């Protein structure tokens, strides 16, 4: 069950970050709006906040079953990797070889942290 919660939490956190990027693109293409208007009229911003709110609820559930010292690096490491790949796929952001090496090292670290 905890693995399903981690999967849901990771997907929600990564989706939230990708939606915040989409929100930033919306703001930059609607420069005629005031800063307040660009947030109020920005559907991507609301979706991003919703993802983070839901991930917070799942996160508390995870922390009920797991130590923070173990859960935090696992969640953030996986979310970092998924978000980097998502930004490459959705926004054509570059993933250089050093990024891929970093993702591999992060995933190795997650594996080491998760060993009991």
C-alpha atoms as a PDB file:
ATOM      1  CA  UNK A   1       0.000   0.000   0.000  1.00  0.00           C
ATOM      2  CA  UNK A   2       2.826   2.412   0.857  1.00  0.00           C
ATOM      3  CA  UNK A   3       4.261   1.996  -2.656  1.00  0.00           C
ATOM      4  CA  UNK A   4       0.946   2.984  -4.207  1.00  0.00           C
ATOM      5  CA  UNK A   5       0.855   6.074  -1.978  1.00  0.00           C
ATOM      6  CA  UNK A   6       4.408   6.969  -3.040  1.00  0.00           C
ATOM      7  CA  UNK A   7       3.436   6.552  -6.677  1.00  0.00           C
ATOM      8  CA  UNK A   8       0.363   8.776  -6.269  1.00  0.00           C
ATOM      9  CA  UNK A   9       2.325  11.363  -4.274  1.00  0.00           C
ATOM     10  CA  UNK A  10       5.152  11.438  -6.805  1.00  0.00           C
ATOM     11  CA  UNK A  11       2.812  11.782  -9.768  1.00  0.00           C
ATOM     12  CA  UNK A  12       0.875  14.574  -8.056  1.00  0.00           C
ATOM     13  CA  UNK A  13       4.043  16.487  -7.096  1.00  0.00           C
ATOM     14  CA  UNK A  14       5.512  16.134 -10.581  1.00  0.00           C
ATOM     15  CA  UNK A  15       2.225  17.065 -12.245  1.00  0.00           C
ATOM     16  CA  UNK A  16       2.041  20.121  -9.980  1.00  0.00           C
ATOM     17  CA  UNK A  17       5.519  21.257 -11.019  1.00  0.00           C
ATOM     18  CA  UNK A  18       4.780  20.718 -14.705  1.00  0.00           C
ATOM     19  CA  UNK A  19       1.520  22.615 -14.335  1.00  0.00           C
ATOM     20  CA  UNK A  20       3.351  25.481 -12.616  1.00  0.00           C
ATOM     21  CA  UNK A  21       5.636  25.616 -15.663  1.00  0.00           C
ATOM     22  CA  UNK A  22       2.545  25.713 -17.908  1.00  0.00           C
ATOM     23  CA  UNK A  23       1.185  28.468 -15.647  1.00  0.00           C
ATOM     24  CA  UNK A  24       4.390  30.466 -16.105  1.00  0.00           C
ATOM     25  CA  UNK A  25       4.104  30.093 -19.883  1.00  0.00           C
ATOM     26  CA  UNK A  26       0.497  31.310 -19.679  1.00  0.00           C
ATOM     27  CA  UNK A  27       1.610  34.392 -17.734  1.00  0.00           C
ATOM     28  CA  UNK A  28       4.407  35.165 -20.196  1.00  0.00           C
ATOM     29  CA  UNK A  29       2.018  34.963 -23.172  1.00  0.00           C
ATOM     30  CA  UNK A  30      -0.610  37.144 -21.479  1.00  0.00           C
ATOM     31  CA  UNK A  31       1.610  40.127 -20.709  1.00  0.00           C
ATOM     32  CA  UNK A  32      -1.290  42.559 -21.119  1.00  0.00           C
ATOM     33  CA  UNK A  33      -2.775  41.276 -17.847  1.00  0.00           C
ATOM     34  CA  UNK A  34      -1.737  42.612 -14.468  1.00  0.00           C
ATOM     35  CA  UNK A  35       0.124  40.193 -12.222  1.00  0.00           C
ATOM     36  CA  UNK A  36      -2.998  39.553 -10.144  1.00  0.00           C
ATOM     37  CA  UNK A  37      -5.153  39.024 -13.252  1.00  0.00           C
ATOM     38  CA  UNK A  38      -2.618  36.636 -14.738  1.00  0.00           C
ATOM     39  CA  UNK A  39      -2.987  34.381 -11.695  1.00  0.00           C
ATOM     40  CA  UNK A  40      -6.750  34.756 -11.271  1.00  0.00           C
ATOM     41  CA  UNK A  41      -7.426  33.945 -14.937  1.00  0.00           C
ATOM     42  CA  UNK A  42      -4.813  31.183 -15.148  1.00  0.00           C
ATOM     43  CA  UNK A  43      -6.407  27.693 -15.145  1.00  0.00           C
ATOM     44  CA  UNK A  44      -2.975  25.988 -15.021  1.00  0.00           C
ATOM     45  CA  UNK A  45      -2.221  27.720 -11.738  1.00  0.00           C
ATOM     46  CA  UNK A  46      -5.371  26.314 -10.114  1.00  0.00           C
ATOM     47  CA  UNK A  47      -4.632  22.822 -11.400  1.00  0.00           C
ATOM     48  CA  UNK A  48      -1.081  23.011 -10.023  1.00  0.00           C
ATOM     49  CA  UNK A  49      -2.312  24.108  -6.595  1.00  0.00           C
ATOM     50  CA  UNK A  50      -4.875  21.298  -6.615  1.00  0.00           C
ATOM     51  CA  UNK A  51      -2.155  18.734  -7.359  1.00  0.00           C
ATOM     52  CA  UNK A  52      -0.050  20.031  -4.488  1.00  0.00           C
ATOM     53  CA  UNK A  53      -3.009  20.064  -2.087  1.00  0.00           C
ATOM     54  CA  UNK A  54      -3.823  16.458  -2.950  1.00  0.00           C
ATOM     55  CA  UNK A  55      -0.180  15.421  -2.693  1.00  0.00           C
ATOM     56  CA  UNK A  56      -0.049  16.957   0.790  1.00  0.00           C
ATOM     57  CA  UNK A  57      -2.949  14.788   1.916  1.00  0.00           C
ATOM     58  CA  UNK A  58      -1.237  11.686   0.517  1.00  0.00           C
ATOM     59  CA  UNK A  59       2.070  12.789   2.060  1.00  0.00           C
ATOM     60  CA  UNK A  60       0.583  12.898   5.560  1.00  0.00           C
ATOM     61  CA  UNK A  61      -0.737   9.370   5.011  1.00  0.00           C
ATOM     62  CA  UNK A  62       2.767   8.247   3.978  1.00  0.00           C
ATOM     63  CA  UNK A  63       4.289   9.832   7.087  1.00  0.00           C
ATOM     64  CA  UNK A  64       1.869   7.897   9.258  1.00  0.00           C
ATOM     65  CA  UNK A  65       3.518   4.702   8.008  1.00  0.00           C
ATOM     66  CA  UNK A  66       7.128   5.731   7.457  1.00  0.00           C
ATOM     67  CA  UNK A  67       9.924   7.766   9.023  1.00  0.00           C
ATOM     68  CA  UNK A  68      10.458  11.219   7.548  1.00  0.00           C
ATOM     69  CA  UNK A  69      14.201  10.612   7.230  1.00  0.00           C
ATOM     70  CA  UNK A  70      13.439   7.779   4.805  1.00  0.00           C
ATOM     71  CA  UNK A  71      10.309   9.056   3.097  1.00  0.00           C
ATOM     72  CA  UNK A  72      11.478  12.577   2.229  1.00  0.00           C
ATOM     73  CA  UNK A  73      14.516  11.728   0.088  1.00  0.00           C
ATOM     74  CA  UNK A  74      12.630   8.951  -1.672  1.00  0.00           C
ATOM     75  CA  UNK A  75       9.669  11.174  -2.539  1.00  0.00           C
ATOM     76  CA  UNK A  76      11.737  14.149  -3.673  1.00  0.00           C
ATOM     77  CA  UNK A  77      14.255  12.042  -5.566  1.00  0.00           C
ATOM     78  CA  UNK A  78      11.623  10.234  -7.558  1.00  0.00           C
ATOM     79  CA  UNK A  79       9.655  13.437  -8.141  1.00  0.00           C
ATOM     80  CA  UNK A  80      12.829  15.169  -9.364  1.00  0.00           C
ATOM     81  CA  UNK A  81      13.456  12.401 -11.881  1.00  0.00           C
ATOM     82  CA  UNK A  82       9.859  12.256 -13.117  1.00  0.00           C
ATOM     83  CA  UNK A  83       9.650  16.057 -13.380  1.00  0.00           C
ATOM     84  CA  UNK A  84      12.906  16.295 -15.342  1.00  0.00           C
ATOM     85  CA  UNK A  85      11.725  13.667 -17.807  1.00  0.00           C
ATOM     86  CA  UNK A  86       8.290  15.327 -17.999  1.00  0.00           C
ATOM     87  CA  UNK A  87       9.824  18.721 -18.758  1.00  0.00           C
ATOM     88  CA  UNK A  88      11.854  17.116 -21.526  1.00  0.00           C
ATOM     89  CA  UNK A  89       8.780  15.441 -23.022  1.00  0.00           C
ATOM     90  CA  UNK A  90       6.252  18.265 -22.593  1.00  0.00           C
ATOM     91  CA  UNK A  91       8.333  21.435 -22.913  1.00  0.00           C
ATOM     92  CA  UNK A  92      11.275  20.240 -25.018  1.00  0.00           C
ATOM     93  CA  UNK A  93      13.665  21.231 -22.242  1.00  0.00           C
ATOM     94  CA  UNK A  94      17.081  19.685 -22.672  1.00  0.00           C
ATOM     95  CA  UNK A  95      18.225  16.644 -20.731  1.00  0.00           C
ATOM     96  CA  UNK A  96      21.981  16.679 -21.077  1.00  0.00           C
ATOM     97  CA  UNK A  97      24.133  13.655 -20.276  1.00  0.00           C
ATOM     98  CA  UNK A  98      25.011  15.197 -16.894  1.00  0.00           C
ATOM     99  CA  UNK A  99      21.289  15.452 -16.075  1.00  0.00           C
ATOM    100  CA  UNK A 100      20.844  11.782 -16.901  1.00  0.00           C
ATOM    101  CA  UNK A 101      23.873  10.843 -14.795  1.00  0.00           C
ATOM    102  CA  UNK A 102      22.429  12.908 -11.938  1.00  0.00           C
ATOM    103  CA  UNK A 103      19.048  11.202 -12.246  1.00  0.00           C
ATOM    104  CA  UNK A 104      20.785   7.825 -12.190  1.00  0.00           C
ATOM    105  CA  UNK A 105      22.745   8.763  -9.063  1.00  0.00           C
ATOM    106  CA  UNK A 106      19.579  10.046  -7.371  1.00  0.00           C
ATOM    107  CA  UNK A 107      17.769   6.797  -8.174  1.00  0.00           C
ATOM    108  CA  UNK A 108      20.732   4.807  -6.796  1.00  0.00           C
ATOM    109  CA  UNK A 109      20.546   6.898  -3.629  1.00  0.00           C
ATOM    110  CA  UNK A 110      16.832   6.190  -3.334  1.00  0.00           C
ATOM    111  CA  UNK A 111      17.536   2.493  -3.678  1.00  0.00           C
ATOM    112  CA  UNK A 112      20.172   2.671  -0.904  1.00  0.00           C
ATOM    113  CA  UNK A 113      17.897   4.668   1.402  1.00  0.00           C
ATOM    114  CA  UNK A 114      15.026   2.230   0.912  1.00  0.00           C
ATOM    115  CA  UNK A 115      17.083  -0.824   1.911  1.00  0.00           C
ATOM    116  CA  UNK A 116      16.106  -1.901   5.410  1.00  0.00           C
END
